[in-house]
Amino acid sequence: MQQTTSFTNGCTAAGGTSSCEGGATGSSVPNLVVAVLLDVRAVAAMVGCSSRNIYRLSDGGRMPRPVKIGRLVRWRRTDIEAWIAAGCPSCR
């Protein structure tokens, strides 16, 4: 099952391609990367540890920096996946 993401500007993204309605050409843009933000529970599940340990790693600079949106703390999925693929090196 393919997930489709709709944006407020009339654009949609699905399976690595995107398209926008109402544009001058109406063409589609291939390989649009949609940034997915993960909460601490999702990151902990990916890494295989507790939420508290994720905060410790983050505070100590041993993992990618989170994105802060107001009081929310989130991590980019691509950053976490790259960090895990690299063997979880220290980020300082």
PDB file of N, CA and C in Angstrom:
ATOM      1  N   MET A   1       0.841  -1.170   0.000  1.00  0.00           N
ATOM      2  CA  MET A   1       0.000   0.000   0.000  1.00  0.00           C
ATOM      3  C   MET A   1       0.887   1.234   0.000  1.00  0.00           C
ATOM      4  N   GLN A   2       0.617   2.152  -0.923  1.00  0.00           N
ATOM      5  CA  GLN A   2       1.426   3.344  -1.073  1.00  0.00           C
ATOM      6  C   GLN A   2       0.804   4.501  -0.312  1.00  0.00           C
ATOM      7  N   GLN A   3       1.623   5.227   0.430  1.00  0.00           N
ATOM      8  CA  GLN A   3       1.141   6.351   1.218  1.00  0.00           C
ATOM      9  C   GLN A   3       1.240   7.617   0.380  1.00  0.00           C
ATOM     10  N   THR A   4       0.163   8.397   0.372  1.00  0.00           N
ATOM     11  CA  THR A   4       0.133   9.666  -0.344  1.00  0.00           C
ATOM     12  C   THR A   4       0.032  10.789   0.669  1.00  0.00           C
ATOM     13  N   THR A   5       0.866  11.810   0.485  1.00  0.00           N
ATOM     14  CA  THR A   5       0.851  12.971   1.364  1.00  0.00           C
ATOM     15  C   THR A   5       0.335  14.162   0.585  1.00  0.00           C
ATOM     16  N   SER A   6      -0.651  14.872   1.146  1.00  0.00           N
ATOM     17  CA  SER A   6      -1.189  16.075   0.521  1.00  0.00           C
ATOM     18  C   SER A   6      -0.713  17.296   1.296  1.00  0.00           C
ATOM     19  N   PHE A   7      -0.387  18.348   0.569  1.00  0.00           N
ATOM     20  CA  PHE A   7       0.084  19.584   1.171  1.00  0.00           C
ATOM     21  C   PHE A   7      -0.963  20.670   0.989  1.00  0.00           C
ATOM     22  N   THR A   8      -0.878  21.713   1.797  1.00  0.00           N
ATOM     23  CA  THR A   8      -1.877  22.780   1.757  1.00  0.00           C
ATOM     24  C   THR A   8      -1.831  23.586   0.463  1.00  0.00           C
ATOM     25  N   ASN A   9      -0.725  23.524  -0.272  1.00  0.00           N
ATOM     26  CA  ASN A   9      -0.622  24.286  -1.510  1.00  0.00           C
ATOM     27  C   ASN A   9      -1.168  23.527  -2.722  1.00  0.00           C
ATOM     28  N   GLY A  10      -1.818  22.389  -2.495  1.00  0.00           N
ATOM     29  CA  GLY A  10      -2.398  21.616  -3.592  1.00  0.00           C
ATOM     30  C   GLY A  10      -1.478  20.557  -4.154  1.00  0.00           C
ATOM     31  N   CYS A  11      -0.273  20.434  -3.620  1.00  0.00           N
ATOM     32  CA  CYS A  11       0.674  19.434  -4.097  1.00  0.00           C
ATOM     33  C   CYS A  11       0.456  18.117  -3.370  1.00  0.00           C
ATOM     34  N   THR A  12       0.830  17.027  -4.020  1.00  0.00           N
ATOM     35  CA  THR A  12       0.785  15.711  -3.399  1.00  0.00           C
ATOM     36  C   THR A  12       2.101  15.002  -3.650  1.00  0.00           C
ATOM     37  N   ALA A  13       2.453  14.075  -2.757  1.00  0.00           N
ATOM     38  CA  ALA A  13       3.666  13.286  -2.904  1.00  0.00           C
ATOM     39  C   ALA A  13       3.329  11.838  -2.618  1.00  0.00           C
ATOM     40  N   ALA A  14       3.812  10.943  -3.479  1.00  0.00           N
ATOM     41  CA  ALA A  14       3.580   9.516  -3.287  1.00  0.00           C
ATOM     42  C   ALA A  14       4.670   8.734  -3.993  1.00  0.00           C
ATOM     43  N   GLY A  15       5.277   7.819  -3.293  1.00  0.00           N
ATOM     44  CA  GLY A  15       6.225   6.894  -3.903  1.00  0.00           C
ATOM     45  C   GLY A  15       7.407   7.540  -4.599  1.00  0.00           C
ATOM     46  N   GLY A  16       7.931   8.637  -4.081  1.00  0.00           N
ATOM     47  CA  GLY A  16       9.113   9.250  -4.657  1.00  0.00           C
ATOM     48  C   GLY A  16       8.822  10.271  -5.740  1.00  0.00           C
ATOM     49  N   THR A  17       7.544  10.516  -6.086  1.00  0.00           N
ATOM     50  CA  THR A  17       7.214  11.547  -7.055  1.00  0.00           C
ATOM     51  C   THR A  17       6.211  12.500  -6.449  1.00  0.00           C
ATOM     52  N   SER A  18       6.168  13.696  -6.986  1.00  0.00           N
ATOM     53  CA  SER A  18       5.209  14.681  -6.496  1.00  0.00           C
ATOM     54  C   SER A  18       4.585  15.395  -7.677  1.00  0.00           C
ATOM     55  N   SER A  19       3.431  15.987  -7.440  1.00  0.00           N
ATOM     56  CA  SER A  19       2.789  16.786  -8.475  1.00  0.00           C
ATOM     57  C   SER A  19       2.025  17.909  -7.813  1.00  0.00           C
ATOM     58  N   CYS A  20       1.874  18.999  -8.550  1.00  0.00           N
ATOM     59  CA  CYS A  20       1.155  20.169  -8.053  1.00  0.00           C
ATOM     60  C   CYS A  20       0.096  20.554  -9.070  1.00  0.00           C
ATOM     61  N   GLU A  21      -1.104  20.842  -8.576  1.00  0.00           N
ATOM     62  CA  GLU A  21      -2.170  21.311  -9.441  1.00  0.00           C
ATOM     63  C   GLU A  21      -2.173  22.820  -9.460  1.00  0.00           C
ATOM     64  N   GLY A  22      -2.579  23.397 -10.562  1.00  0.00           N
ATOM     65  CA  GLY A  22      -2.698  24.839 -10.647  1.00  0.00           C
ATOM     66  C   GLY A  22      -1.401  25.537 -10.990  1.00  0.00           C
ATOM     67  N   GLY A  23      -0.341  24.797 -11.254  1.00  0.00           N
ATOM     68  CA  GLY A  23       0.927  25.406 -11.634  1.00  0.00           C
ATOM     69  C   GLY A  23       0.901  25.807 -13.096  1.00  0.00           C
ATOM     70  N   ALA A  24       1.896  26.555 -13.532  1.00  0.00           N
ATOM     71  CA  ALA A  24       1.943  27.039 -14.906  1.00  0.00           C
ATOM     72  C   ALA A  24       2.060  25.885 -15.892  1.00  0.00           C
ATOM     73  N   THR A  25       2.846  24.857 -15.557  1.00  0.00           N
ATOM     74  CA  THR A  25       3.037  23.753 -16.478  1.00  0.00           C
ATOM     75  C   THR A  25       2.283  22.513 -16.057  1.00  0.00           C
ATOM     76  N   GLY A  26       1.972  22.366 -14.775  1.00  0.00           N
ATOM     77  CA  GLY A  26       1.289  21.175 -14.291  1.00  0.00           C
ATOM     78  C   GLY A  26       2.173  19.947 -14.313  1.00  0.00           C
ATOM     79  N   SER A  27       3.486  20.124 -14.436  1.00  0.00           N
ATOM     80  CA  SER A  27       4.396  18.989 -14.512  1.00  0.00           C
ATOM     81  C   SER A  27       4.629  18.388 -13.138  1.00  0.00           C
ATOM     82  N   SER A  28       5.146  17.167 -13.118  1.00  0.00           N
ATOM     83  CA  SER A  28       5.453  16.524 -11.847  1.00  0.00           C
ATOM     84  C   SER A  28       6.951  16.593 -11.603  1.00  0.00           C
ATOM     85  N   VAL A  29       7.336  16.638 -10.333  1.00  0.00           N
ATOM     86  CA  VAL A  29       8.726  16.718  -9.934  1.00  0.00           C
ATOM     87  C   VAL A  29       9.117  15.365  -9.353  1.00  0.00           C
ATOM     88  N   PRO A  30      10.043  14.613  -9.985  1.00  0.00           N
ATOM     89  CA  PRO A  30      10.404  13.285  -9.472  1.00  0.00           C
ATOM     90  C   PRO A  30      11.297  13.368  -8.244  1.00  0.00           C
ATOM     91  N   ASN A  31      11.249  12.325  -7.445  1.00  0.00           N
ATOM     92  CA  ASN A  31      12.143  12.126  -6.309  1.00  0.00           C
ATOM     93  C   ASN A  31      12.068  13.219  -5.256  1.00  0.00           C
ATOM     94  N   LEU A  32      10.876  13.682  -4.949  1.00  0.00           N
ATOM     95  CA  LEU A  32      10.697  14.635  -3.862  1.00  0.00           C
ATOM     96  C   LEU A  32      10.850  13.884  -2.548  1.00  0.00           C
ATOM     97  N   VAL A  33      11.711  14.383  -1.696  1.00  0.00           N
ATOM     98  CA  VAL A  33      11.925  13.755  -0.399  1.00  0.00           C
ATOM     99  C   VAL A  33      11.070  14.500   0.617  1.00  0.00           C
ATOM    100  N   VAL A  34      10.156  13.784   1.237  1.00  0.00           N
ATOM    101  CA  VAL A  34       9.298  14.366   2.257  1.00  0.00           C
ATOM    102  C   VAL A  34       9.938  14.061   3.608  1.00  0.00           C
ATOM    103  N   ALA A  35      10.327  15.110   4.322  1.00  0.00           N
ATOM    104  CA  ALA A  35      10.963  14.927   5.624  1.00  0.00           C
ATOM    105  C   ALA A  35       9.926  14.437   6.628  1.00  0.00           C
ATOM    106  N   VAL A  36      10.218  13.313   7.253  1.00  0.00           N
ATOM    107  CA  VAL A  36       9.337  12.760   8.267  1.00  0.00           C
ATOM    108  C   VAL A  36      10.003  12.981   9.615  1.00  0.00           C
ATOM    109  N   LEU A  37       9.262  13.568  10.534  1.00  0.00           N
ATOM    110  CA  LEU A  37       9.795  13.827  11.869  1.00  0.00           C
ATOM    111  C   LEU A  37       9.300  12.755  12.832  1.00  0.00           C
ATOM    112  N   LEU A  38      10.208  12.234  13.640  1.00  0.00           N
ATOM    113  CA  LEU A  38       9.905  11.165  14.586  1.00  0.00           C
ATOM    114  C   LEU A  38       9.943  11.686  16.010  1.00  0.00           C
ATOM    115  N   ASP A  39       9.036  11.201  16.839  1.00  0.00           N
ATOM    116  CA  ASP A  39       9.086  11.557  18.254  1.00  0.00           C
ATOM    117  C   ASP A  39      10.056  10.619  18.969  1.00  0.00           C
ATOM    118  N   VAL A  40      10.273  10.859  20.256  1.00  0.00           N
ATOM    119  CA  VAL A  40      11.272  10.111  21.011  1.00  0.00           C
ATOM    120  C   VAL A  40      10.930   8.626  21.081  1.00  0.00           C
ATOM    121  N   ARG A  41       9.658   8.289  21.158  1.00  0.00           N
ATOM    122  CA  ARG A  41       9.274   6.870  21.211  1.00  0.00           C
ATOM    123  C   ARG A  41       9.617   6.139  19.920  1.00  0.00           C
ATOM    124  N   ALA A  42       9.387   6.791  18.791  1.00  0.00           N
ATOM    125  CA  ALA A  42       9.697   6.165  17.504  1.00  0.00           C
ATOM    126  C   ALA A  42      11.205   5.982  17.328  1.00  0.00           C
ATOM    127  N   VAL A  43      11.978   6.988  17.747  1.00  0.00           N
ATOM    128  CA  VAL A  43      13.439   6.883  17.664  1.00  0.00           C
ATOM    129  C   VAL A  43      13.928   5.771  18.583  1.00  0.00           C
ATOM    130  N   ALA A  44      13.390   5.705  19.787  1.00  0.00           N
ATOM    131  CA  ALA A  44      13.787   4.655  20.735  1.00  0.00           C
ATOM    132  C   ALA A  44      13.477   3.273  20.168  1.00  0.00           C
ATOM    133  N   ALA A  45      12.350   3.129  19.495  1.00  0.00           N
ATOM    134  CA  ALA A  45      11.999   1.836  18.892  1.00  0.00           C
ATOM    135  C   ALA A  45      12.966   1.478  17.766  1.00  0.00           C
ATOM    136  N   MET A  46      13.373   2.464  16.976  1.00  0.00           N
ATOM    137  CA  MET A  46      14.328   2.204  15.894  1.00  0.00           C
ATOM    138  C   MET A  46      15.690   1.799  16.432  1.00  0.00           C
ATOM    139  N   VAL A  47      16.117   2.457  17.511  1.00  0.00           N
ATOM    140  CA  VAL A  47      17.447   2.206  18.074  1.00  0.00           C
ATOM    141  C   VAL A  47      17.442   0.985  18.988  1.00  0.00           C
ATOM    142  N   GLY A  48      16.293   0.706  19.589  1.00  0.00           N
ATOM    143  CA  GLY A  48      16.196  -0.447  20.482  1.00  0.00           C
ATOM    144  C   GLY A  48      16.596  -0.117  21.907  1.00  0.00           C
ATOM    145  N   CYS A  49      16.226   1.068  22.373  1.00  0.00           N
ATOM    146  CA  CYS A  49      16.524   1.461  23.746  1.00  0.00           C
ATOM    147  C   CYS A  49      15.356   2.266  24.303  1.00  0.00           C
ATOM    148  N   SER A  50      15.509   2.796  25.501  1.00  0.00           N
ATOM    149  CA  SER A  50      14.429   3.553  26.140  1.00  0.00           C
ATOM    150  C   SER A  50      14.395   4.997  25.654  1.00  0.00           C
ATOM    151  N   SER A  51      13.261   5.647  25.888  1.00  0.00           N
ATOM    152  CA  SER A  51      13.122   7.062  25.552  1.00  0.00           C
ATOM    153  C   SER A  51      14.128   7.898  26.338  1.00  0.00           C
ATOM    154  N   ARG A  52      14.310   7.555  27.584  1.00  0.00           N
ATOM    155  CA  ARG A  52      15.251   8.292  28.431  1.00  0.00           C
ATOM    156  C   ARG A  52      16.668   8.204  27.875  1.00  0.00           C
ATOM    157  N   ASN A  53      17.051   7.040  27.365  1.00  0.00           N
ATOM    158  CA  ASN A  53      18.385   6.882  26.797  1.00  0.00           C
ATOM    159  C   ASN A  53      18.547   7.738  25.537  1.00  0.00           C
ATOM    160  N   ILE A  54      17.493   7.894  24.755  1.00  0.00           N
ATOM    161  CA  ILE A  54      17.551   8.761  23.574  1.00  0.00           C
ATOM    162  C   ILE A  54      17.830  10.193  24.003  1.00  0.00           C
ATOM    163  N   TYR A  55      17.137  10.666  25.047  1.00  0.00           N
ATOM    164  CA  TYR A  55      17.391  12.016  25.540  1.00  0.00           C
ATOM    165  C   TYR A  55      18.828  12.161  26.048  1.00  0.00           C
ATOM    166  N   ARG A  56      19.350  11.130  26.716  1.00  0.00           N
ATOM    167  CA  ARG A  56      20.737  11.175  27.195  1.00  0.00           C
ATOM    168  C   ARG A  56      21.713  11.262  26.025  1.00  0.00           C
ATOM    169  N   LEU A  57      21.497  10.432  24.998  1.00  0.00           N
ATOM    170  CA  LEU A  57      22.360  10.460  23.808  1.00  0.00           C
ATOM    171  C   LEU A  57      22.307  11.826  23.134  1.00  0.00           C
ATOM    172  N   SER A  58      21.104  12.371  23.017  1.00  0.00           N
ATOM    173  CA  SER A  58      20.921  13.672  22.374  1.00  0.00           C
ATOM    174  C   SER A  58      21.584  14.789  23.172  1.00  0.00           C
ATOM    175  N   ASP A  59      21.371  14.793  24.482  1.00  0.00           N
ATOM    176  CA  ASP A  59      21.968  15.820  25.341  1.00  0.00           C
ATOM    177  C   ASP A  59      23.488  15.746  25.338  1.00  0.00           C
ATOM    178  N   GLY A  60      24.023  14.540  25.187  1.00  0.00           N
ATOM    179  CA  GLY A  60      25.469  14.351  25.177  1.00  0.00           C
ATOM    180  C   GLY A  60      26.108  14.540  23.809  1.00  0.00           C
ATOM    181  N   GLY A  61      25.309  14.850  22.785  1.00  0.00           N
ATOM    182  CA  GLY A  61      25.855  15.057  21.449  1.00  0.00           C
ATOM    183  C   GLY A  61      26.287  13.777  20.766  1.00  0.00           C
ATOM    184  N   ARG A  62      25.722  12.648  21.189  1.00  0.00           N
ATOM    185  CA  ARG A  62      26.123  11.364  20.625  1.00  0.00           C
ATOM    186  C   ARG A  62      25.152  10.837  19.579  1.00  0.00           C
ATOM    187  N   MET A  63      24.230  11.683  19.146  1.00  0.00           N
ATOM    188  CA  MET A  63      23.313  11.319  18.073  1.00  0.00           C
ATOM    189  C   MET A  63      22.925  12.600  17.344  1.00  0.00           C
ATOM    190  N   PRO A  64      22.266  12.496  16.187  1.00  0.00           N
ATOM    191  CA  PRO A  64      21.895  13.715  15.449  1.00  0.00           C
ATOM    192  C   PRO A  64      21.052  14.660  16.297  1.00  0.00           C
ATOM    193  N   ARG A  65      21.212  15.953  16.037  1.00  0.00           N
ATOM    194  CA  ARG A  65      20.456  16.974  16.769  1.00  0.00           C
ATOM    195  C   ARG A  65      18.974  16.879  16.428  1.00  0.00           C
ATOM    196  N   PRO A  66      18.127  17.079  17.406  1.00  0.00           N
ATOM    197  CA  PRO A  66      16.692  17.083  17.127  1.00  0.00           C
ATOM    198  C   PRO A  66      16.250  18.417  16.531  1.00  0.00           C
ATOM    199  N   VAL A  67      15.064  18.387  15.963  1.00  0.00           N
ATOM    200  CA  VAL A  67      14.410  19.601  15.477  1.00  0.00           C
ATOM    201  C   VAL A  67      13.443  20.017  16.570  1.00  0.00           C
ATOM    202  N   LYS A  68      13.520  21.263  17.004  1.00  0.00           N
ATOM    203  CA  LYS A  68      12.625  21.729  18.057  1.00  0.00           C
ATOM    204  C   LYS A  68      11.564  22.620  17.434  1.00  0.00           C
ATOM    205  N   ILE A  69      10.314  22.256  17.660  1.00  0.00           N
ATOM    206  CA  ILE A  69       9.164  23.001  17.152  1.00  0.00           C
ATOM    207  C   ILE A  69       8.370  23.423  18.373  1.00  0.00           C
ATOM    208  N   GLY A  70       8.595  24.634  18.815  1.00  0.00           N
ATOM    209  CA  GLY A  70       7.990  25.063  20.074  1.00  0.00           C
ATOM    210  C   GLY A  70       8.544  24.213  21.202  1.00  0.00           C
ATOM    211  N   ARG A  71       7.657  23.531  21.906  1.00  0.00           N
ATOM    212  CA  ARG A  71       8.088  22.642  22.994  1.00  0.00           C
ATOM    213  C   ARG A  71       8.305  21.212  22.527  1.00  0.00           C
ATOM    214  N   LEU A  72       7.977  20.925  21.271  1.00  0.00           N
ATOM    215  CA  LEU A  72       8.128  19.569  20.742  1.00  0.00           C
ATOM    216  C   LEU A  72       9.574  19.308  20.343  1.00  0.00           C
ATOM    217  N   VAL A  73      10.020  18.081  20.552  1.00  0.00           N
ATOM    218  CA  VAL A  73      11.351  17.651  20.139  1.00  0.00           C
ATOM    219  C   VAL A  73      11.156  16.483  19.179  1.00  0.00           C
ATOM    220  N   ARG A  74      11.665  16.634  17.960  1.00  0.00           N
ATOM    221  CA  ARG A  74      11.511  15.604  16.933  1.00  0.00           C
ATOM    222  C   ARG A  74      12.847  15.405  16.229  1.00  0.00           C
ATOM    223  N   TRP A  75      13.025  14.229  15.614  1.00  0.00           N
ATOM    224  CA  TRP A  75      14.216  13.919  14.839  1.00  0.00           C
ATOM    225  C   TRP A  75      13.805  13.599  13.415  1.00  0.00           C
ATOM    226  N   ARG A  76      14.635  13.984  12.453  1.00  0.00           N
ATOM    227  CA  ARG A  76      14.385  13.641  11.049  1.00  0.00           C
ATOM    228  C   ARG A  76      14.668  12.159  10.845  1.00  0.00           C
ATOM    229  N   ARG A  77      13.733  11.481  10.202  1.00  0.00           N
ATOM    230  CA  ARG A  77      13.900  10.043   9.946  1.00  0.00           C
ATOM    231  C   ARG A  77      15.181   9.783   9.154  1.00  0.00           C
ATOM    232  N   THR A  78      15.467  10.615   8.159  1.00  0.00           N
ATOM    233  CA  THR A  78      16.653  10.398   7.333  1.00  0.00           C
ATOM    234  C   THR A  78      17.935  10.519   8.151  1.00  0.00           C
ATOM    235  N   ASP A  79      17.975  11.471   9.099  1.00  0.00           N
ATOM    236  CA  ASP A  79      19.154  11.630   9.956  1.00  0.00           C
ATOM    237  C   ASP A  79      19.362  10.406  10.837  1.00  0.00           C
ATOM    238  N   ILE A  80      18.279   9.900  11.421  1.00  0.00           N
ATOM    239  CA  ILE A  80      18.377   8.732  12.309  1.00  0.00           C
ATOM    240  C   ILE A  80      18.772   7.497  11.522  1.00  0.00           C
ATOM    241  N   GLU A  81      18.182   7.293  10.347  1.00  0.00           N
ATOM    242  CA  GLU A  81      18.529   6.126   9.534  1.00  0.00           C
ATOM    243  C   GLU A  81      19.993   6.170   9.097  1.00  0.00           C
ATOM    244  N   ALA A  82      20.485   7.353   8.703  1.00  0.00           N
ATOM    245  CA  ALA A  82      21.888   7.489   8.304  1.00  0.00           C
ATOM    246  C   ALA A  82      22.815   7.253   9.489  1.00  0.00           C
ATOM    247  N   TRP A  83      22.429   7.749  10.659  1.00  0.00           N
ATOM    248  CA  TRP A  83      23.222   7.574  11.870  1.00  0.00           C
ATOM    249  C   TRP A  83      23.315   6.094  12.243  1.00  0.00           C
ATOM    250  N   ILE A  84      22.202   5.389  12.158  1.00  0.00           N
ATOM    251  CA  ILE A  84      22.198   3.951  12.467  1.00  0.00           C
ATOM    252  C   ILE A  84      23.036   3.194  11.435  1.00  0.00           C
ATOM    253  N   ALA A  85      22.889   3.549  10.149  1.00  0.00           N
ATOM    254  CA  ALA A  85      23.651   2.866   9.087  1.00  0.00           C
ATOM    255  C   ALA A  85      25.153   3.077   9.251  1.00  0.00           C
ATOM    256  N   ALA A  86      25.547   4.227   9.820  1.00  0.00           N
ATOM    257  CA  ALA A  86      26.966   4.524  10.035  1.00  0.00           C
ATOM    258  C   ALA A  86      27.516   3.885  11.306  1.00  0.00           C
ATOM    259  N   GLY A  87      26.667   3.162  12.034  1.00  0.00           N
ATOM    260  CA  GLY A  87      27.130   2.492  13.241  1.00  0.00           C
ATOM    261  C   GLY A  87      26.972   3.330  14.503  1.00  0.00           C
ATOM    262  N   CYS A  88      26.102   4.322  14.465  1.00  0.00           N
ATOM    263  CA  CYS A  88      25.808   5.191  15.628  1.00  0.00           C
ATOM    264  C   CYS A  88      27.046   5.896  16.172  1.00  0.00           C
ATOM    265  N   PRO A  89      27.791   6.612  15.298  1.00  0.00           N
ATOM    266  CA  PRO A  89      28.965   7.328  15.805  1.00  0.00           C
ATOM    267  C   PRO A  89      28.557   8.568  16.592  1.00  0.00           C
ATOM    268  N   SER A  90      29.476   9.070  17.406  1.00  0.00           N
ATOM    269  CA  SER A  90      29.242  10.296  18.152  1.00  0.00           C
ATOM    270  C   SER A  90      29.133  11.453  17.170  1.00  0.00           C
ATOM    271  N   CYS A  91      28.225  12.379  17.414  1.00  0.00           N
ATOM    272  CA  CYS A  91      27.995  13.490  16.489  1.00  0.00           C
ATOM    273  C   CYS A  91      28.680  14.776  16.891  1.00  0.00           C
ATOM    274  N   ARG A  92      29.498  14.755  17.899  1.00  0.00           N
ATOM    275  CA  ARG A  92      30.226  15.973  18.311  1.00  0.00           C
ATOM    276  C   ARG A  92      31.541  16.054  17.625  1.00  0.00           C
TER     277      ARG A  92
END
